[in-house]
Amino acid sequence: MREKGTTMAAEEQNPEEQNPQGESPEQLAPPVNENFKWYIIHAYSGFERKVRESLESRITAFGLQNRIGRIMIPTEPVTELRNGKKYTIDRVFLPGYVLVEMELDNDLWHVIKNTPRVTGFLGTGDNPVALSEQEVSSILFRSDAAKDKPSMKVKFEKGEQVRINEGPFANFTGAVDDINEDKQTLKVMVSIFGRSTPVEIEFSKVDKVTE
């Protein structure tokens, strides 16, 4: 449900903005209310944080604070290269999904369903489906695991020139021969003693060569 007189383009938020609150806990703490269950709310992609803010405001306005617990947006850290410098941001890795812990009833259902930029619940028809503890953990703990090794948001192409900036081959320049997105590594062909030699190197340890 959209607010009247509001355009999506005017309010669209960057889903990769820095998240100062930190969505995911180190471990899934037990609910403060034993009747709380986790549900997934569908939202406009890119508006997850706006939806969370709107939910918090509406819950307070309707006096339903005792019926709702944590509102979480699954994120993962991503390292970007901007003008040769590295920045780590929290990126939403499930666009359009907001996890809400609550004791759902008809009144709360209507309050959430009529929140701006909310399109519905995970489930069929008007029957939201609660997530199991295992399902919630698999979502939230993915964020924690990713924090140990942020992925690099930088695109490399086969054949382009890069310069190694760290390790025993620092300052060597070579052409990208292979790209492994899963391992976040490149195979770079560098010239060592006049011979072209493949070197496997992490994304973070190379810079693109600019003219």
N, C-alpha and C. Protein backbone atom coordinates (compact mmCIF):
# COMPACT_ATOMS: atom_id res chain seq x y z
N MET A 1 0.85 -1.19 0.00
CA MET A 1 0.00 0.00 0.00
C MET A 1 0.88 1.24 0.00
N ARG A 2 0.70 2.12 -1.00
CA ARG A 2 1.55 3.29 -1.12
C ARG A 2 0.86 4.52 -0.57
N GLU A 3 1.64 5.43 -0.04
CA GLU A 3 1.10 6.68 0.45
C GLU A 3 0.74 7.57 -0.73
N LYS A 4 -0.37 8.31 -0.62
CA LYS A 4 -0.82 9.17 -1.69
C LYS A 4 0.19 10.31 -1.88
N GLY A 5 0.38 10.64 -3.18
CA GLY A 5 1.24 11.77 -3.47
C GLY A 5 2.71 11.48 -3.33
N THR A 6 3.08 10.20 -3.20
CA THR A 6 4.48 9.84 -3.03
C THR A 6 4.94 9.01 -4.21
N THR A 7 6.07 9.35 -4.76
CA THR A 7 6.63 8.57 -5.86
C THR A 7 7.74 7.70 -5.34
N MET A 8 7.84 6.49 -5.85
CA MET A 8 8.87 5.57 -5.39
C MET A 8 10.25 6.11 -5.70
N ALA A 9 10.42 6.74 -6.86
CA ALA A 9 11.74 7.22 -7.24
C ALA A 9 12.23 8.29 -6.29
N ALA A 10 11.31 9.10 -5.78
CA ALA A 10 11.73 10.19 -4.91
C ALA A 10 12.21 9.71 -3.57
N GLU A 11 11.67 8.58 -3.09
CA GLU A 11 12.00 8.14 -1.76
C GLU A 11 12.88 6.92 -1.72
N GLU A 12 13.21 6.35 -2.87
CA GLU A 12 13.93 5.09 -2.89
C GLU A 12 15.24 5.21 -2.15
N GLN A 13 15.48 4.26 -1.28
CA GLN A 13 16.70 4.24 -0.49
C GLN A 13 17.68 3.24 -1.08
N ASN A 14 18.95 3.52 -0.95
CA ASN A 14 19.98 2.61 -1.43
C ASN A 14 20.05 1.40 -0.52
N PRO A 15 19.74 0.18 -1.05
CA PRO A 15 19.76 -1.00 -0.19
C PRO A 15 21.15 -1.38 0.28
N GLU A 16 22.20 -0.67 -0.22
CA GLU A 16 23.56 -1.00 0.17
C GLU A 16 24.15 0.09 1.06
N GLU A 17 23.28 0.89 1.67
CA GLU A 17 23.79 1.95 2.53
C GLU A 17 24.35 1.36 3.82
N GLN A 18 25.18 2.11 4.50
CA GLN A 18 25.75 1.64 5.75
C GLN A 18 24.64 1.44 6.77
N ASN A 19 24.66 0.33 7.46
CA ASN A 19 23.64 0.03 8.45
C ASN A 19 24.24 0.17 9.83
N PRO A 20 23.98 1.27 10.53
CA PRO A 20 24.62 1.49 11.82
C PRO A 20 24.07 0.63 12.93
N GLN A 21 22.89 0.03 12.73
CA GLN A 21 22.26 -0.71 13.83
C GLN A 21 22.76 -2.14 13.94
N GLY A 22 23.17 -2.73 12.81
CA GLY A 22 23.65 -4.11 12.87
C GLY A 22 22.49 -5.06 13.01
N GLU A 23 22.02 -5.61 11.89
CA GLU A 23 20.79 -6.38 11.90
C GLU A 23 20.89 -7.72 12.63
N SER A 24 22.02 -8.39 12.49
CA SER A 24 22.07 -9.78 12.92
C SER A 24 22.83 -9.98 14.21
N PRO A 25 22.27 -10.71 15.17
CA PRO A 25 22.95 -10.95 16.43
C PRO A 25 23.98 -12.05 16.28
N GLU A 26 24.88 -12.17 17.28
CA GLU A 26 25.87 -13.23 17.23
C GLU A 26 25.21 -14.59 17.38
N GLN A 27 24.11 -14.64 18.09
CA GLN A 27 23.33 -15.86 18.17
C GLN A 27 21.88 -15.48 18.34
N LEU A 28 20.99 -16.37 17.94
CA LEU A 28 19.56 -16.09 17.99
C LEU A 28 19.08 -16.24 19.43
N ALA A 29 18.85 -15.11 20.09
CA ALA A 29 18.40 -15.13 21.47
C ALA A 29 16.94 -15.60 21.54
N PRO A 30 16.55 -16.22 22.64
CA PRO A 30 15.16 -16.66 22.76
C PRO A 30 14.23 -15.46 22.80
N PRO A 31 12.98 -15.59 22.34
CA PRO A 31 12.04 -14.47 22.35
C PRO A 31 11.69 -14.07 23.78
N VAL A 32 11.38 -12.78 23.95
CA VAL A 32 10.98 -12.30 25.27
C VAL A 32 9.58 -12.77 25.61
N ASN A 33 8.82 -13.14 24.61
CA ASN A 33 7.47 -13.66 24.79
C ASN A 33 7.42 -15.04 24.14
N GLU A 34 7.05 -16.04 24.89
CA GLU A 34 7.06 -17.41 24.37
C GLU A 34 6.06 -17.60 23.24
N ASN A 35 5.12 -16.67 23.09
CA ASN A 35 4.13 -16.77 22.01
C ASN A 35 4.61 -16.11 20.71
N PHE A 36 5.77 -15.47 20.75
CA PHE A 36 6.29 -14.82 19.55
C PHE A 36 6.74 -15.87 18.54
N LYS A 37 6.46 -15.59 17.29
CA LYS A 37 6.96 -16.39 16.18
C LYS A 37 7.50 -15.45 15.11
N TRP A 38 8.39 -15.98 14.28
CA TRP A 38 8.99 -15.18 13.22
C TRP A 38 8.19 -15.29 11.93
N TYR A 39 7.99 -14.14 11.28
CA TYR A 39 7.31 -14.10 9.99
C TYR A 39 8.13 -13.24 9.03
N ILE A 40 7.93 -13.48 7.75
CA ILE A 40 8.58 -12.68 6.72
C ILE A 40 7.53 -11.77 6.09
N ILE A 41 7.87 -10.48 6.04
CA ILE A 41 7.01 -9.48 5.40
C ILE A 41 7.65 -9.11 4.06
N HIS A 42 6.82 -9.05 3.04
CA HIS A 42 7.30 -8.61 1.72
C HIS A 42 7.17 -7.10 1.62
N ALA A 43 8.22 -6.46 1.14
CA ALA A 43 8.24 -5.00 0.99
C ALA A 43 8.79 -4.65 -0.39
N TYR A 44 8.59 -3.40 -0.79
CA TYR A 44 9.21 -2.95 -2.03
C TYR A 44 10.72 -3.09 -1.89
N SER A 45 11.35 -3.65 -2.90
CA SER A 45 12.80 -3.81 -2.87
C SER A 45 13.46 -2.44 -2.80
N GLY A 46 14.39 -2.29 -1.87
CA GLY A 46 15.06 -1.02 -1.67
C GLY A 46 14.46 -0.17 -0.58
N PHE A 47 13.31 -0.61 -0.04
CA PHE A 47 12.62 0.15 1.00
C PHE A 47 12.57 -0.60 2.33
N GLU A 48 13.44 -1.61 2.49
CA GLU A 48 13.38 -2.44 3.69
C GLU A 48 13.53 -1.61 4.96
N ARG A 49 14.46 -0.68 4.98
CA ARG A 49 14.69 0.13 6.19
C ARG A 49 13.54 1.11 6.43
N LYS A 50 12.98 1.64 5.35
CA LYS A 50 11.81 2.51 5.49
C LYS A 50 10.63 1.75 6.08
N VAL A 51 10.46 0.51 5.63
CA VAL A 51 9.38 -0.33 6.15
C VAL A 51 9.59 -0.60 7.64
N ARG A 52 10.82 -0.89 8.03
CA ARG A 52 11.09 -1.12 9.45
C ARG A 52 10.74 0.11 10.28
N GLU A 53 11.16 1.28 9.80
CA GLU A 53 10.86 2.51 10.53
C GLU A 53 9.36 2.75 10.62
N SER A 54 8.65 2.51 9.52
CA SER A 54 7.20 2.70 9.52
C SER A 54 6.51 1.72 10.47
N LEU A 55 6.98 0.47 10.47
CA LEU A 55 6.40 -0.53 11.37
C LEU A 55 6.58 -0.13 12.82
N GLU A 56 7.78 0.31 13.17
CA GLU A 56 8.06 0.71 14.55
C GLU A 56 7.16 1.87 14.98
N SER A 57 6.96 2.83 14.06
CA SER A 57 6.11 3.98 14.38
C SER A 57 4.65 3.57 14.54
N ARG A 58 4.18 2.72 13.65
CA ARG A 58 2.77 2.31 13.69
C ARG A 58 2.48 1.42 14.90
N ILE A 59 3.41 0.55 15.23
CA ILE A 59 3.22 -0.32 16.39
C ILE A 59 3.08 0.53 17.66
N THR A 60 3.92 1.56 17.76
CA THR A 60 3.84 2.45 18.92
C THR A 60 2.53 3.24 18.91
N ALA A 61 2.14 3.74 17.75
CA ALA A 61 0.91 4.53 17.64
C ALA A 61 -0.33 3.72 18.02
N PHE A 62 -0.33 2.45 17.67
CA PHE A 62 -1.48 1.60 17.96
C PHE A 62 -1.36 0.89 19.31
N GLY A 63 -0.27 1.15 20.04
CA GLY A 63 -0.10 0.56 21.36
C GLY A 63 0.06 -0.95 21.34
N LEU A 64 0.78 -1.46 20.35
CA LEU A 64 0.94 -2.91 20.20
C LEU A 64 2.36 -3.38 20.50
N GLN A 65 3.08 -2.60 21.31
CA GLN A 65 4.48 -2.94 21.57
C GLN A 65 4.65 -4.30 22.23
N ASN A 66 3.66 -4.73 23.01
CA ASN A 66 3.78 -6.02 23.69
C ASN A 66 3.47 -7.20 22.77
N ARG A 67 3.07 -6.91 21.52
CA ARG A 67 2.72 -7.99 20.60
C ARG A 67 3.80 -8.22 19.54
N ILE A 68 4.84 -7.39 19.59
CA ILE A 68 5.86 -7.49 18.55
C ILE A 68 7.25 -7.39 19.17
N GLY A 69 8.19 -8.16 18.63
CA GLY A 69 9.55 -8.17 19.16
C GLY A 69 10.52 -7.53 18.19
N ARG A 70 11.46 -8.32 17.72
CA ARG A 70 12.52 -7.80 16.85
C ARG A 70 12.05 -7.66 15.40
N ILE A 71 12.52 -6.60 14.75
CA ILE A 71 12.28 -6.38 13.32
C ILE A 71 13.66 -6.33 12.67
N MET A 72 13.95 -7.28 11.81
CA MET A 72 15.31 -7.42 11.33
C MET A 72 15.38 -7.49 9.81
N ILE A 73 16.45 -6.92 9.28
CA ILE A 73 16.71 -6.92 7.84
C ILE A 73 18.01 -7.70 7.62
N PRO A 74 17.97 -8.86 7.01
CA PRO A 74 19.20 -9.63 6.78
C PRO A 74 20.17 -8.88 5.87
N THR A 75 21.37 -8.66 6.38
CA THR A 75 22.39 -7.96 5.59
C THR A 75 23.70 -8.74 5.63
N GLU A 76 24.60 -8.38 4.74
CA GLU A 76 25.94 -8.96 4.72
C GLU A 76 26.93 -7.86 4.38
N PRO A 77 28.15 -7.93 4.92
CA PRO A 77 29.14 -6.90 4.62
C PRO A 77 29.73 -7.09 3.23
N VAL A 78 29.88 -6.01 2.52
CA VAL A 78 30.47 -6.03 1.19
C VAL A 78 31.51 -4.93 1.12
N THR A 79 32.68 -5.26 0.60
CA THR A 79 33.75 -4.27 0.45
C THR A 79 33.72 -3.71 -0.97
N GLU A 80 33.61 -2.41 -1.07
CA GLU A 80 33.60 -1.74 -2.35
C GLU A 80 34.91 -1.00 -2.58
N LEU A 81 35.27 -0.84 -3.82
CA LEU A 81 36.42 -0.03 -4.19
C LEU A 81 35.89 1.27 -4.79
N ARG A 82 36.21 2.39 -4.16
CA ARG A 82 35.80 3.69 -4.68
C ARG A 82 37.03 4.58 -4.76
N ASN A 83 37.35 4.97 -5.98
CA ASN A 83 38.52 5.82 -6.20
C ASN A 83 39.78 5.24 -5.56
N GLY A 84 39.92 3.92 -5.67
CA GLY A 84 41.11 3.26 -5.16
C GLY A 84 41.10 2.96 -3.68
N LYS A 85 40.02 3.34 -2.97
CA LYS A 85 39.94 3.10 -1.54
C LYS A 85 38.86 2.05 -1.24
N LYS A 86 39.06 1.29 -0.18
CA LYS A 86 38.13 0.23 0.18
C LYS A 86 37.17 0.71 1.27
N TYR A 87 35.88 0.43 1.05
CA TYR A 87 34.85 0.76 2.02
C TYR A 87 33.99 -0.48 2.25
N THR A 88 33.69 -0.76 3.52
CA THR A 88 32.83 -1.89 3.84
C THR A 88 31.45 -1.36 4.22
N ILE A 89 30.43 -1.87 3.53
CA ILE A 89 29.05 -1.47 3.79
C ILE A 89 28.22 -2.71 4.08
N ASP A 90 27.05 -2.51 4.66
CA ASP A 90 26.12 -3.61 4.88
C ASP A 90 25.10 -3.60 3.75
N ARG A 91 25.05 -4.68 2.99
CA ARG A 91 24.14 -4.79 1.86
C ARG A 91 23.00 -5.75 2.20
N VAL A 92 21.79 -5.37 1.85
CA VAL A 92 20.64 -6.25 2.02
C VAL A 92 20.79 -7.42 1.05
N PHE A 93 20.87 -8.65 1.56
CA PHE A 93 21.06 -9.78 0.65
C PHE A 93 19.76 -10.52 0.35
N LEU A 94 18.64 -10.10 0.97
CA LEU A 94 17.33 -10.63 0.61
C LEU A 94 16.42 -9.44 0.31
N PRO A 95 16.60 -8.79 -0.83
CA PRO A 95 15.81 -7.59 -1.14
C PRO A 95 14.31 -7.88 -1.07
N GLY A 96 13.60 -6.96 -0.42
CA GLY A 96 12.15 -7.09 -0.31
C GLY A 96 11.67 -7.94 0.85
N TYR A 97 12.60 -8.38 1.73
CA TYR A 97 12.23 -9.22 2.86
C TYR A 97 12.57 -8.53 4.18
N VAL A 98 11.61 -8.54 5.09
CA VAL A 98 11.82 -8.03 6.45
C VAL A 98 11.33 -9.11 7.42
N LEU A 99 12.18 -9.49 8.37
CA LEU A 99 11.81 -10.51 9.35
C LEU A 99 11.23 -9.83 10.59
N VAL A 100 10.07 -10.30 11.03
CA VAL A 100 9.40 -9.71 12.18
C VAL A 100 9.03 -10.82 13.17
N GLU A 101 9.37 -10.57 14.43
CA GLU A 101 9.06 -11.50 15.52
C GLU A 101 7.83 -10.94 16.24
N MET A 102 6.76 -11.73 16.31
CA MET A 102 5.53 -11.19 16.88
C MET A 102 4.53 -12.29 17.26
N GLU A 103 3.54 -11.85 18.03
CA GLU A 103 2.38 -12.69 18.33
C GLU A 103 1.25 -12.19 17.44
N LEU A 104 1.14 -12.81 16.29
CA LEU A 104 0.26 -12.31 15.23
C LEU A 104 -1.21 -12.61 15.52
N ASP A 105 -2.03 -11.58 15.40
CA ASP A 105 -3.47 -11.76 15.46
C ASP A 105 -4.08 -10.90 14.37
N ASN A 106 -5.39 -10.85 14.28
CA ASN A 106 -6.05 -10.15 13.20
C ASN A 106 -5.76 -8.65 13.21
N ASP A 107 -5.76 -8.04 14.41
CA ASP A 107 -5.50 -6.60 14.50
C ASP A 107 -4.08 -6.27 14.02
N LEU A 108 -3.10 -7.04 14.49
CA LEU A 108 -1.72 -6.80 14.11
C LEU A 108 -1.52 -7.07 12.62
N TRP A 109 -2.19 -8.06 12.10
CA TRP A 109 -2.12 -8.38 10.67
C TRP A 109 -2.52 -7.17 9.84
N HIS A 110 -3.64 -6.53 10.23
CA HIS A 110 -4.14 -5.37 9.48
C HIS A 110 -3.19 -4.17 9.60
N VAL A 111 -2.63 -3.96 10.80
CA VAL A 111 -1.71 -2.84 10.99
C VAL A 111 -0.48 -3.01 10.10
N ILE A 112 0.05 -4.23 10.05
CA ILE A 112 1.24 -4.48 9.23
C ILE A 112 0.91 -4.45 7.75
N LYS A 113 -0.20 -5.08 7.38
CA LYS A 113 -0.57 -5.17 5.96
C LYS A 113 -0.81 -3.79 5.36
N ASN A 114 -1.28 -2.84 6.18
CA ASN A 114 -1.58 -1.49 5.68
C ASN A 114 -0.42 -0.51 5.88
N THR A 115 0.73 -1.03 6.25
CA THR A 115 1.92 -0.19 6.37
C THR A 115 2.42 0.18 4.98
N PRO A 116 2.75 1.46 4.75
CA PRO A 116 3.25 1.86 3.43
C PRO A 116 4.42 1.01 2.97
N ARG A 117 4.39 0.61 1.71
CA ARG A 117 5.44 -0.15 1.02
C ARG A 117 5.48 -1.62 1.44
N VAL A 118 4.52 -2.07 2.24
CA VAL A 118 4.39 -3.49 2.55
C VAL A 118 3.41 -4.10 1.55
N THR A 119 3.81 -5.20 0.92
CA THR A 119 2.95 -5.83 -0.08
C THR A 119 2.29 -7.10 0.44
N GLY A 120 2.70 -7.59 1.60
CA GLY A 120 2.07 -8.78 2.14
C GLY A 120 3.00 -9.59 3.01
N PHE A 121 2.55 -10.81 3.32
CA PHE A 121 3.31 -11.74 4.15
C PHE A 121 3.75 -12.93 3.32
N LEU A 122 4.78 -13.60 3.79
CA LEU A 122 5.14 -14.88 3.20
C LEU A 122 4.06 -15.89 3.58
N GLY A 123 3.44 -16.48 2.59
CA GLY A 123 2.36 -17.42 2.86
C GLY A 123 1.39 -17.41 1.70
N THR A 124 0.28 -18.10 1.87
CA THR A 124 -0.73 -18.17 0.82
C THR A 124 -1.96 -17.39 1.26
N GLY A 125 -2.41 -16.51 0.38
CA GLY A 125 -3.60 -15.74 0.69
C GLY A 125 -3.42 -14.88 1.92
N ASP A 126 -4.37 -15.01 2.85
CA ASP A 126 -4.32 -14.24 4.09
C ASP A 126 -3.79 -15.07 5.25
N ASN A 127 -3.03 -16.11 4.94
CA ASN A 127 -2.52 -17.00 5.98
C ASN A 127 -0.99 -16.94 6.03
N PRO A 128 -0.41 -16.01 6.80
CA PRO A 128 1.05 -15.94 6.91
C PRO A 128 1.62 -17.23 7.48
N VAL A 129 2.80 -17.59 7.00
CA VAL A 129 3.47 -18.81 7.46
C VAL A 129 4.60 -18.43 8.41
N ALA A 130 4.58 -19.00 9.62
CA ALA A 130 5.65 -18.74 10.59
C ALA A 130 6.90 -19.54 10.21
N LEU A 131 8.06 -18.95 10.45
CA LEU A 131 9.33 -19.63 10.17
C LEU A 131 9.75 -20.48 11.36
N SER A 132 10.42 -21.58 11.07
CA SER A 132 10.98 -22.40 12.13
C SER A 132 12.25 -21.74 12.66
N GLU A 133 12.69 -22.14 13.86
CA GLU A 133 13.94 -21.61 14.41
C GLU A 133 15.11 -21.89 13.47
N GLN A 134 15.10 -23.06 12.85
CA GLN A 134 16.18 -23.42 11.94
C GLN A 134 16.21 -22.50 10.72
N GLU A 135 15.01 -22.17 10.19
CA GLU A 135 14.95 -21.29 9.04
C GLU A 135 15.44 -19.88 9.37
N VAL A 136 15.03 -19.39 10.55
CA VAL A 136 15.47 -18.06 10.97
C VAL A 136 16.98 -18.05 11.16
N SER A 137 17.51 -19.08 11.80
CA SER A 137 18.95 -19.15 12.04
C SER A 137 19.73 -19.18 10.74
N SER A 138 19.23 -19.93 9.75
CA SER A 138 19.94 -20.04 8.48
C SER A 138 20.03 -18.69 7.78
N ILE A 139 19.03 -17.84 8.01
CA ILE A 139 19.04 -16.50 7.41
C ILE A 139 19.95 -15.56 8.19
N LEU A 140 19.74 -15.49 9.50
CA LEU A 140 20.46 -14.52 10.31
C LEU A 140 21.93 -14.90 10.49
N PHE A 141 22.23 -16.18 10.61
CA PHE A 141 23.62 -16.59 10.82
C PHE A 141 24.44 -16.49 9.56
N ARG A 142 23.79 -16.45 8.40
CA ARG A 142 24.53 -16.21 7.15
C ARG A 142 25.20 -14.85 7.23
N SER A 143 24.50 -13.87 7.81
CA SER A 143 25.07 -12.53 7.95
C SER A 143 26.30 -12.56 8.83
N ASP A 144 26.23 -13.30 9.95
CA ASP A 144 27.36 -13.36 10.87
C ASP A 144 28.57 -14.01 10.21
N ALA A 145 28.33 -15.09 9.47
CA ALA A 145 29.44 -15.78 8.82
C ALA A 145 30.10 -14.88 7.79
N ALA A 146 29.29 -14.10 7.08
CA ALA A 146 29.84 -13.23 6.05
C ALA A 146 30.69 -12.11 6.62
N LYS A 147 30.42 -11.73 7.89
CA LYS A 147 31.17 -10.64 8.49
C LYS A 147 32.65 -10.99 8.65
N ASP A 148 32.94 -12.30 8.76
CA ASP A 148 34.33 -12.72 8.94
C ASP A 148 35.15 -12.48 7.67
N LYS A 149 34.49 -12.52 6.53
CA LYS A 149 35.20 -12.35 5.26
C LYS A 149 34.30 -11.61 4.28
N PRO A 150 34.30 -10.29 4.35
CA PRO A 150 33.46 -9.51 3.44
C PRO A 150 33.81 -9.80 1.99
N SER A 151 32.79 -9.87 1.14
CA SER A 151 33.04 -10.08 -0.28
C SER A 151 33.34 -8.74 -0.95
N MET A 152 34.05 -8.80 -2.06
CA MET A 152 34.41 -7.59 -2.77
C MET A 152 33.39 -7.31 -3.86
N LYS A 153 32.84 -6.11 -3.82
CA LYS A 153 31.91 -5.72 -4.87
C LYS A 153 32.69 -4.99 -5.95
N VAL A 154 33.37 -5.74 -6.77
CA VAL A 154 34.14 -5.15 -7.86
C VAL A 154 34.15 -6.17 -8.99
N LYS A 155 33.94 -5.72 -10.18
CA LYS A 155 33.84 -6.62 -11.31
C LYS A 155 35.14 -6.64 -12.11
N PHE A 156 35.64 -7.84 -12.34
CA PHE A 156 36.82 -8.01 -13.16
C PHE A 156 36.41 -8.72 -14.45
N GLU A 157 37.18 -8.48 -15.49
CA GLU A 157 36.92 -9.12 -16.77
C GLU A 157 38.18 -9.85 -17.24
N LYS A 158 37.96 -10.95 -17.88
CA LYS A 158 39.08 -11.72 -18.39
C LYS A 158 39.85 -10.89 -19.42
N GLY A 159 41.17 -10.85 -19.26
CA GLY A 159 42.02 -10.13 -20.19
C GLY A 159 42.38 -8.72 -19.74
N GLU A 160 41.68 -8.17 -18.74
CA GLU A 160 42.01 -6.81 -18.31
C GLU A 160 43.27 -6.81 -17.46
N GLN A 161 43.94 -5.69 -17.44
CA GLN A 161 45.20 -5.55 -16.72
C GLN A 161 44.96 -5.14 -15.26
N VAL A 162 45.67 -5.82 -14.35
CA VAL A 162 45.58 -5.49 -12.92
C VAL A 162 47.00 -5.44 -12.34
N ARG A 163 47.12 -4.74 -11.23
CA ARG A 163 48.41 -4.65 -10.54
C ARG A 163 48.26 -5.24 -9.15
N ILE A 164 49.12 -6.17 -8.79
CA ILE A 164 49.09 -6.79 -7.46
C ILE A 164 49.64 -5.80 -6.45
N ASN A 165 48.92 -5.58 -5.37
CA ASN A 165 49.33 -4.55 -4.41
C ASN A 165 49.80 -5.10 -3.08
N GLU A 166 49.87 -6.44 -2.95
CA GLU A 166 50.24 -7.02 -1.66
C GLU A 166 50.86 -8.39 -1.87
N GLY A 167 51.73 -8.81 -0.96
CA GLY A 167 52.32 -10.13 -1.04
C GLY A 167 53.62 -10.17 -1.82
N PRO A 168 54.13 -11.37 -2.08
CA PRO A 168 55.44 -11.52 -2.73
C PRO A 168 55.46 -11.00 -4.17
N PHE A 169 54.29 -10.86 -4.80
CA PHE A 169 54.24 -10.37 -6.18
C PHE A 169 53.74 -8.93 -6.25
N ALA A 170 53.87 -8.20 -5.13
CA ALA A 170 53.43 -6.80 -5.10
C ALA A 170 54.12 -6.01 -6.22
N ASN A 171 53.33 -5.17 -6.88
CA ASN A 171 53.76 -4.29 -7.97
C ASN A 171 53.90 -5.01 -9.31
N PHE A 172 53.66 -6.33 -9.32
CA PHE A 172 53.65 -7.03 -10.61
C PHE A 172 52.33 -6.69 -11.32
N THR A 173 52.42 -6.54 -12.62
CA THR A 173 51.23 -6.28 -13.44
C THR A 173 51.00 -7.44 -14.38
N GLY A 174 49.73 -7.81 -14.56
CA GLY A 174 49.43 -8.91 -15.44
C GLY A 174 47.98 -8.87 -15.91
N ALA A 175 47.64 -9.82 -16.77
CA ALA A 175 46.28 -9.90 -17.31
C ALA A 175 45.48 -10.95 -16.56
N VAL A 176 44.20 -10.64 -16.33
CA VAL A 176 43.30 -11.59 -15.67
C VAL A 176 43.03 -12.75 -16.61
N ASP A 177 43.31 -13.96 -16.13
CA ASP A 177 43.10 -15.16 -16.96
C ASP A 177 41.87 -15.95 -16.52
N ASP A 178 41.52 -15.84 -15.23
CA ASP A 178 40.36 -16.58 -14.73
C ASP A 178 39.81 -15.86 -13.50
N ILE A 179 38.50 -15.95 -13.30
CA ILE A 179 37.83 -15.27 -12.19
C ILE A 179 37.02 -16.28 -11.41
N ASN A 180 37.25 -16.36 -10.10
CA ASN A 180 36.49 -17.27 -9.23
C ASN A 180 35.67 -16.42 -8.26
N GLU A 181 34.39 -16.21 -8.59
CA GLU A 181 33.53 -15.36 -7.77
C GLU A 181 33.32 -15.96 -6.38
N ASP A 182 33.18 -17.28 -6.30
CA ASP A 182 32.92 -17.93 -5.02
C ASP A 182 34.08 -17.75 -4.04
N LYS A 183 35.30 -17.95 -4.54
CA LYS A 183 36.47 -17.82 -3.69
C LYS A 183 36.99 -16.39 -3.62
N GLN A 184 36.42 -15.51 -4.45
CA GLN A 184 36.86 -14.11 -4.51
C GLN A 184 38.35 -14.03 -4.87
N THR A 185 38.74 -14.83 -5.87
CA THR A 185 40.14 -14.84 -6.31
C THR A 185 40.23 -14.69 -7.83
N LEU A 186 41.40 -14.27 -8.27
CA LEU A 186 41.71 -14.15 -9.69
C LEU A 186 42.93 -15.00 -10.00
N LYS A 187 43.00 -15.47 -11.24
CA LYS A 187 44.25 -16.03 -11.74
C LYS A 187 44.83 -14.98 -12.67
N VAL A 188 45.97 -14.45 -12.29
CA VAL A 188 46.61 -13.38 -13.05
C VAL A 188 47.88 -13.91 -13.69
N MET A 189 48.05 -13.66 -14.98
CA MET A 189 49.25 -14.09 -15.68
C MET A 189 50.28 -12.97 -15.60
N VAL A 190 51.36 -13.21 -14.85
CA VAL A 190 52.43 -12.22 -14.71
C VAL A 190 53.72 -12.76 -15.32
N SER A 191 54.56 -11.85 -15.72
CA SER A 191 55.83 -12.23 -16.33
C SER A 191 56.91 -12.33 -15.26
N ILE A 192 57.43 -13.53 -15.06
CA ILE A 192 58.49 -13.76 -14.08
C ILE A 192 59.69 -14.36 -14.82
N PHE A 193 60.81 -13.63 -14.80
CA PHE A 193 62.00 -14.05 -15.53
C PHE A 193 61.70 -14.32 -17.00
N GLY A 194 60.84 -13.47 -17.55
CA GLY A 194 60.54 -13.59 -18.97
C GLY A 194 59.52 -14.64 -19.32
N ARG A 195 58.98 -15.32 -18.33
CA ARG A 195 57.97 -16.35 -18.58
C ARG A 195 56.62 -15.95 -17.99
N SER A 196 55.56 -16.21 -18.73
CA SER A 196 54.22 -15.92 -18.25
C SER A 196 53.81 -16.97 -17.24
N THR A 197 53.55 -16.54 -16.02
CA THR A 197 53.27 -17.46 -14.91
C THR A 197 51.93 -17.11 -14.26
N PRO A 198 51.05 -18.11 -14.02
CA PRO A 198 49.77 -17.83 -13.37
C PRO A 198 49.95 -17.64 -11.86
N VAL A 199 49.31 -16.61 -11.33
CA VAL A 199 49.33 -16.34 -9.89
C VAL A 199 47.89 -16.20 -9.41
N GLU A 200 47.54 -16.98 -8.40
CA GLU A 200 46.19 -16.86 -7.82
C GLU A 200 46.24 -15.83 -6.70
N ILE A 201 45.36 -14.86 -6.78
CA ILE A 201 45.40 -13.74 -5.85
C ILE A 201 43.98 -13.31 -5.49
N GLU A 202 43.79 -12.87 -4.25
CA GLU A 202 42.47 -12.42 -3.82
C GLU A 202 42.10 -11.10 -4.46
N PHE A 203 40.78 -10.91 -4.63
CA PHE A 203 40.29 -9.66 -5.23
C PHE A 203 40.88 -8.44 -4.52
N SER A 204 40.94 -8.52 -3.18
CA SER A 204 41.34 -7.35 -2.39
C SER A 204 42.81 -7.00 -2.54
N LYS A 205 43.59 -7.90 -3.16
CA LYS A 205 45.03 -7.67 -3.27
C LYS A 205 45.48 -7.23 -4.66
N VAL A 206 44.50 -6.79 -5.46
CA VAL A 206 44.84 -6.28 -6.77
C VAL A 206 44.09 -4.98 -7.03
N ASP A 207 44.66 -4.15 -7.88
CA ASP A 207 44.02 -2.92 -8.32
C ASP A 207 43.92 -2.95 -9.84
N LYS A 208 42.85 -2.38 -10.36
CA LYS A 208 42.72 -2.29 -11.80
C LYS A 208 43.72 -1.26 -12.32
N VAL A 209 44.31 -1.57 -13.47
CA VAL A 209 45.25 -0.65 -14.08
C VAL A 209 44.46 0.31 -14.95
N THR A 210 44.55 1.59 -14.64
CA THR A 210 43.84 2.60 -15.42
C THR A 210 44.82 3.34 -16.31
N GLU A 211 44.34 3.70 -17.45
CA GLU A 211 45.21 4.41 -18.41
C GLU A 211 45.60 5.78 -17.87
